[in-house]
Each structure stands twice: as structure tokens, then as C-alpha cells.
Amino acid sequence: MNSSQQAPETILVVDDQRPNLQLVGTMLSQMGYEVIPATSGEQAFKRLAARTPDLILLDVLMPEMSGLEVCRQIKADVRWAELPIIFLSAADDA
């Protein structure tokens, strides 16, 4: 994060598990980032349409639309194709 007087970087955190979303959001907020939470792929796209974040943290395993599908659709859109995405997963298998 920049130490200047600029607005904090924003991170869109997408996870269908609210406890995970809250934990990650709290940690990032304490580090000075602005967190935009979303609990589904559909909600993530609504958040993206309203405001483009600096980074997306995306859960891999979600119902209805997997994180991989959300990523494919984000990268297919020229507005967001260059956004960095980091996948998160609580799964213990490869």
C-alpha cells in the first residue's frame, strides 16, 4: 500500500463462506486496504460493475458458479482483463 495520502487500494474478496469472508476482510482492513466483499460470482460481477478494485481474491469452490468460471468471465471482459486475481481455497486436495 502507498504511504502517501492517496485512497487505499481496494480488494474484492469473493467467498461463499461468510466466516472466511469476514476473517480475510478484517485482516485486510487492519492492514489499511479497502475491502469489497461478495458472497457469489453474481454478486462479484455487480460489485465489479460499480467499482473496479486493484486486486481480486477469489474462492475456487463456490456453488452455482465456481471461482474458475468467475475468473474466465472476468478475463474475457476488456474492462477487467488486466485485473490481478489470486485464488483462495480451503480445500485440502490438489
N, C-alpha and C. Protein backbone atom coordinates (compact mmCIF):
# COMPACT_ATOMS: atom_id res chain seq x y z
N MET A 1 0.84 -1.18 0.00
CA MET A 1 0.00 0.00 0.00
C MET A 1 0.88 1.24 0.00
N ASN A 2 0.48 2.27 -0.70
CA ASN A 2 1.22 3.51 -0.75
C ASN A 2 1.15 4.23 0.59
N SER A 3 2.26 4.86 0.96
CA SER A 3 2.26 5.59 2.22
C SER A 3 1.83 7.04 2.03
N SER A 4 1.57 7.46 0.79
CA SER A 4 1.12 8.83 0.53
C SER A 4 -0.34 8.99 0.92
N GLN A 5 -0.90 10.15 0.66
CA GLN A 5 -2.27 10.46 1.06
C GLN A 5 -3.30 10.00 0.04
N GLN A 6 -2.97 9.04 -0.81
CA GLN A 6 -3.92 8.52 -1.79
C GLN A 6 -4.94 7.62 -1.09
N ALA A 7 -6.05 7.39 -1.78
CA ALA A 7 -7.06 6.47 -1.26
C ALA A 7 -6.45 5.08 -1.14
N PRO A 8 -6.91 4.29 -0.18
CA PRO A 8 -6.35 2.94 -0.02
C PRO A 8 -6.69 2.06 -1.22
N GLU A 9 -5.80 1.11 -1.50
CA GLU A 9 -6.08 0.16 -2.55
C GLU A 9 -7.31 -0.66 -2.16
N THR A 10 -8.06 -1.07 -3.17
CA THR A 10 -9.27 -1.85 -2.91
C THR A 10 -9.07 -3.30 -3.33
N ILE A 11 -9.62 -4.19 -2.54
CA ILE A 11 -9.54 -5.61 -2.83
C ILE A 11 -10.95 -6.19 -2.80
N LEU A 12 -11.35 -6.79 -3.90
CA LEU A 12 -12.62 -7.50 -3.96
C LEU A 12 -12.36 -8.92 -3.46
N VAL A 13 -13.03 -9.29 -2.37
CA VAL A 13 -12.88 -10.63 -1.80
C VAL A 13 -14.17 -11.40 -2.06
N VAL A 14 -14.05 -12.51 -2.79
CA VAL A 14 -15.22 -13.30 -3.18
C VAL A 14 -15.11 -14.68 -2.52
N ASP A 15 -16.05 -14.97 -1.62
CA ASP A 15 -16.08 -16.26 -0.93
C ASP A 15 -17.50 -16.52 -0.47
N ASP A 16 -18.01 -17.71 -0.74
CA ASP A 16 -19.38 -18.03 -0.34
C ASP A 16 -19.50 -18.34 1.16
N GLN A 17 -18.39 -18.55 1.83
CA GLN A 17 -18.39 -18.82 3.27
C GLN A 17 -18.20 -17.52 4.04
N ARG A 18 -19.25 -17.05 4.66
CA ARG A 18 -19.20 -15.76 5.35
C ARG A 18 -18.10 -15.67 6.42
N PRO A 19 -17.84 -16.73 7.21
CA PRO A 19 -16.74 -16.63 8.18
C PRO A 19 -15.39 -16.37 7.50
N ASN A 20 -15.14 -17.03 6.36
CA ASN A 20 -13.90 -16.81 5.62
C ASN A 20 -13.84 -15.37 5.11
N LEU A 21 -14.95 -14.91 4.57
CA LEU A 21 -15.04 -13.55 4.04
C LEU A 21 -14.77 -12.54 5.15
N GLN A 22 -15.34 -12.77 6.31
CA GLN A 22 -15.15 -11.86 7.44
C GLN A 22 -13.70 -11.88 7.93
N LEU A 23 -13.11 -13.06 8.03
CA LEU A 23 -11.73 -13.17 8.50
C LEU A 23 -10.76 -12.46 7.56
N VAL A 24 -10.85 -12.77 6.28
CA VAL A 24 -9.96 -12.14 5.30
C VAL A 24 -10.22 -10.64 5.23
N GLY A 25 -11.49 -10.25 5.24
CA GLY A 25 -11.83 -8.83 5.20
C GLY A 25 -11.29 -8.06 6.39
N THR A 26 -11.41 -8.64 7.56
CA THR A 26 -10.90 -7.98 8.78
C THR A 26 -9.38 -7.83 8.72
N MET A 27 -8.70 -8.89 8.32
CA MET A 27 -7.23 -8.82 8.23
C MET A 27 -6.78 -7.76 7.23
N LEU A 28 -7.41 -7.73 6.07
CA LEU A 28 -7.02 -6.75 5.05
C LEU A 28 -7.37 -5.33 5.48
N SER A 29 -8.51 -5.15 6.11
CA SER A 29 -8.90 -3.82 6.60
C SER A 29 -7.90 -3.31 7.63
N GLN A 30 -7.46 -4.20 8.52
CA GLN A 30 -6.48 -3.81 9.53
C GLN A 30 -5.15 -3.42 8.92
N MET A 31 -4.88 -3.94 7.73
CA MET A 31 -3.65 -3.60 7.02
C MET A 31 -3.80 -2.33 6.19
N GLY A 32 -5.00 -1.74 6.19
CA GLY A 32 -5.22 -0.47 5.51
C GLY A 32 -5.86 -0.56 4.14
N TYR A 33 -6.27 -1.75 3.73
CA TYR A 33 -6.92 -1.90 2.44
C TYR A 33 -8.42 -1.69 2.57
N GLU A 34 -9.04 -1.22 1.51
CA GLU A 34 -10.49 -1.15 1.46
C GLU A 34 -10.98 -2.46 0.89
N VAL A 35 -11.88 -3.13 1.59
CA VAL A 35 -12.36 -4.44 1.19
C VAL A 35 -13.77 -4.33 0.64
N ILE A 36 -13.97 -4.94 -0.51
CA ILE A 36 -15.29 -5.04 -1.13
C ILE A 36 -15.68 -6.51 -1.06
N PRO A 37 -16.64 -6.89 -0.22
CA PRO A 37 -17.00 -8.30 -0.08
C PRO A 37 -18.06 -8.73 -1.09
N ALA A 38 -17.98 -10.00 -1.49
CA ALA A 38 -19.00 -10.61 -2.35
C ALA A 38 -19.11 -12.08 -1.97
N THR A 39 -20.33 -12.59 -1.90
CA THR A 39 -20.55 -13.97 -1.48
C THR A 39 -20.86 -14.93 -2.63
N SER A 40 -20.81 -14.42 -3.86
CA SER A 40 -21.09 -15.28 -5.03
C SER A 40 -20.47 -14.64 -6.27
N GLY A 41 -20.39 -15.44 -7.33
CA GLY A 41 -19.91 -14.90 -8.59
C GLY A 41 -20.81 -13.80 -9.10
N GLU A 42 -22.12 -14.01 -9.00
CA GLU A 42 -23.07 -13.00 -9.46
C GLU A 42 -22.88 -11.68 -8.70
N GLN A 43 -22.73 -11.78 -7.40
CA GLN A 43 -22.53 -10.57 -6.60
C GLN A 43 -21.18 -9.92 -6.93
N ALA A 44 -20.17 -10.72 -7.23
CA ALA A 44 -18.87 -10.18 -7.61
C ALA A 44 -18.98 -9.32 -8.87
N PHE A 45 -19.76 -9.79 -9.85
CA PHE A 45 -19.92 -9.02 -11.08
C PHE A 45 -20.68 -7.72 -10.83
N LYS A 46 -21.62 -7.73 -9.92
CA LYS A 46 -22.32 -6.49 -9.55
C LYS A 46 -21.35 -5.50 -8.90
N ARG A 47 -20.50 -6.02 -8.03
CA ARG A 47 -19.51 -5.15 -7.37
C ARG A 47 -18.52 -4.60 -8.40
N LEU A 48 -18.08 -5.45 -9.33
CA LEU A 48 -17.16 -5.01 -10.38
C LEU A 48 -17.78 -3.92 -11.25
N ALA A 49 -19.05 -4.06 -11.57
CA ALA A 49 -19.73 -3.07 -12.40
C ALA A 49 -19.81 -1.72 -11.71
N ALA A 50 -19.87 -1.74 -10.38
CA ALA A 50 -19.96 -0.50 -9.62
C ALA A 50 -18.60 0.13 -9.38
N ARG A 51 -17.57 -0.72 -9.24
CA ARG A 51 -16.23 -0.19 -8.93
C ARG A 51 -15.18 -1.24 -9.24
N THR A 52 -14.15 -0.84 -9.95
CA THR A 52 -13.06 -1.75 -10.29
C THR A 52 -12.03 -1.75 -9.17
N PRO A 53 -11.77 -2.91 -8.56
CA PRO A 53 -10.78 -2.98 -7.48
C PRO A 53 -9.36 -3.06 -8.04
N ASP A 54 -8.39 -3.00 -7.15
CA ASP A 54 -6.99 -3.15 -7.54
C ASP A 54 -6.57 -4.62 -7.61
N LEU A 55 -7.30 -5.47 -6.88
CA LEU A 55 -6.98 -6.89 -6.78
C LEU A 55 -8.26 -7.66 -6.46
N ILE A 56 -8.32 -8.92 -6.92
CA ILE A 56 -9.44 -9.79 -6.57
C ILE A 56 -8.88 -11.02 -5.88
N LEU A 57 -9.43 -11.33 -4.71
CA LEU A 57 -9.17 -12.60 -4.03
C LEU A 57 -10.41 -13.45 -4.25
N LEU A 58 -10.25 -14.59 -4.88
CA LEU A 58 -11.38 -15.36 -5.38
C LEU A 58 -11.34 -16.80 -4.89
N ASP A 59 -12.41 -17.21 -4.20
CA ASP A 59 -12.54 -18.59 -3.74
C ASP A 59 -12.71 -19.49 -4.96
N VAL A 60 -12.06 -20.63 -4.95
CA VAL A 60 -12.15 -21.57 -6.07
C VAL A 60 -13.47 -22.33 -6.03
N LEU A 61 -13.84 -22.82 -4.86
CA LEU A 61 -15.02 -23.69 -4.73
C LEU A 61 -16.21 -22.90 -4.22
N MET A 62 -17.13 -22.60 -5.13
CA MET A 62 -18.36 -21.90 -4.76
C MET A 62 -19.52 -22.57 -5.49
N PRO A 63 -20.71 -22.57 -4.88
CA PRO A 63 -21.87 -23.14 -5.57
C PRO A 63 -22.32 -22.23 -6.71
N GLU A 64 -23.10 -22.75 -7.60
CA GLU A 64 -23.67 -22.03 -8.74
C GLU A 64 -22.63 -21.66 -9.78
N MET A 65 -21.62 -20.90 -9.42
CA MET A 65 -20.57 -20.50 -10.36
C MET A 65 -19.22 -20.64 -9.65
N SER A 66 -18.37 -21.53 -10.14
CA SER A 66 -17.07 -21.74 -9.49
C SER A 66 -16.18 -20.52 -9.67
N GLY A 67 -15.17 -20.43 -8.83
CA GLY A 67 -14.20 -19.36 -8.95
C GLY A 67 -13.49 -19.38 -10.29
N LEU A 68 -13.27 -20.57 -10.82
CA LEU A 68 -12.61 -20.67 -12.13
C LEU A 68 -13.48 -20.06 -13.23
N GLU A 69 -14.79 -20.29 -13.16
CA GLU A 69 -15.70 -19.71 -14.15
C GLU A 69 -15.79 -18.19 -13.97
N VAL A 70 -15.82 -17.74 -12.73
CA VAL A 70 -15.83 -16.29 -12.47
C VAL A 70 -14.58 -15.67 -13.08
N CYS A 71 -13.43 -16.30 -12.88
CA CYS A 71 -12.17 -15.81 -13.44
C CYS A 71 -12.23 -15.76 -14.96
N ARG A 72 -12.73 -16.82 -15.58
CA ARG A 72 -12.83 -16.84 -17.05
C ARG A 72 -13.65 -15.66 -17.57
N GLN A 73 -14.78 -15.41 -16.91
CA GLN A 73 -15.66 -14.32 -17.35
C GLN A 73 -15.03 -12.95 -17.10
N ILE A 74 -14.32 -12.80 -16.00
CA ILE A 74 -13.65 -11.53 -15.73
C ILE A 74 -12.59 -11.27 -16.79
N LYS A 75 -11.77 -12.27 -17.07
CA LYS A 75 -10.68 -12.12 -18.04
C LYS A 75 -11.18 -11.93 -19.46
N ALA A 76 -12.40 -12.37 -19.74
CA ALA A 76 -12.99 -12.22 -21.08
C ALA A 76 -13.53 -10.81 -21.31
N ASP A 77 -13.67 -10.04 -20.25
CA ASP A 77 -14.21 -8.68 -20.35
C ASP A 77 -13.04 -7.69 -20.41
N VAL A 78 -12.98 -6.89 -21.46
CA VAL A 78 -11.86 -5.96 -21.65
C VAL A 78 -11.71 -4.97 -20.50
N ARG A 79 -12.79 -4.67 -19.80
CA ARG A 79 -12.70 -3.73 -18.67
C ARG A 79 -11.88 -4.30 -17.52
N TRP A 80 -11.88 -5.61 -17.41
CA TRP A 80 -11.26 -6.24 -16.24
C TRP A 80 -10.17 -7.25 -16.58
N ALA A 81 -9.86 -7.40 -17.83
CA ALA A 81 -8.93 -8.44 -18.27
C ALA A 81 -7.55 -8.34 -17.60
N GLU A 82 -7.14 -7.15 -17.25
CA GLU A 82 -5.81 -6.95 -16.67
C GLU A 82 -5.80 -7.00 -15.14
N LEU A 83 -6.96 -7.18 -14.52
CA LEU A 83 -7.02 -7.23 -13.06
C LEU A 83 -6.29 -8.45 -12.53
N PRO A 84 -5.44 -8.26 -11.52
CA PRO A 84 -4.81 -9.43 -10.92
C PRO A 84 -5.81 -10.19 -10.06
N ILE A 85 -5.75 -11.52 -10.15
CA ILE A 85 -6.64 -12.39 -9.38
C ILE A 85 -5.79 -13.41 -8.65
N ILE A 86 -6.06 -13.56 -7.36
CA ILE A 86 -5.41 -14.60 -6.54
C ILE A 86 -6.52 -15.53 -6.08
N PHE A 87 -6.32 -16.83 -6.32
CA PHE A 87 -7.31 -17.81 -5.89
C PHE A 87 -7.09 -18.20 -4.44
N LEU A 88 -8.20 -18.36 -3.72
CA LEU A 88 -8.19 -18.85 -2.34
C LEU A 88 -8.94 -20.16 -2.31
N SER A 89 -8.52 -21.05 -1.43
CA SER A 89 -9.25 -22.31 -1.27
C SER A 89 -8.97 -22.89 0.09
N ALA A 90 -10.02 -23.42 0.72
CA ALA A 90 -9.86 -24.15 1.95
C ALA A 90 -9.77 -25.65 1.68
N ALA A 91 -9.86 -26.04 0.41
CA ALA A 91 -9.77 -27.45 0.04
C ALA A 91 -8.38 -27.99 0.38
N ASP A 92 -8.34 -29.24 0.80
CA ASP A 92 -7.06 -29.81 1.17
C ASP A 92 -6.50 -30.78 0.13
N ASP A 93 -7.17 -30.87 -1.04
CA ASP A 93 -6.64 -31.70 -2.12
C ASP A 93 -6.17 -30.80 -3.26
N ALA A 94 -5.34 -31.34 -4.13
CA ALA A 94 -4.76 -30.54 -5.22
C ALA A 94 -5.80 -30.20 -6.26
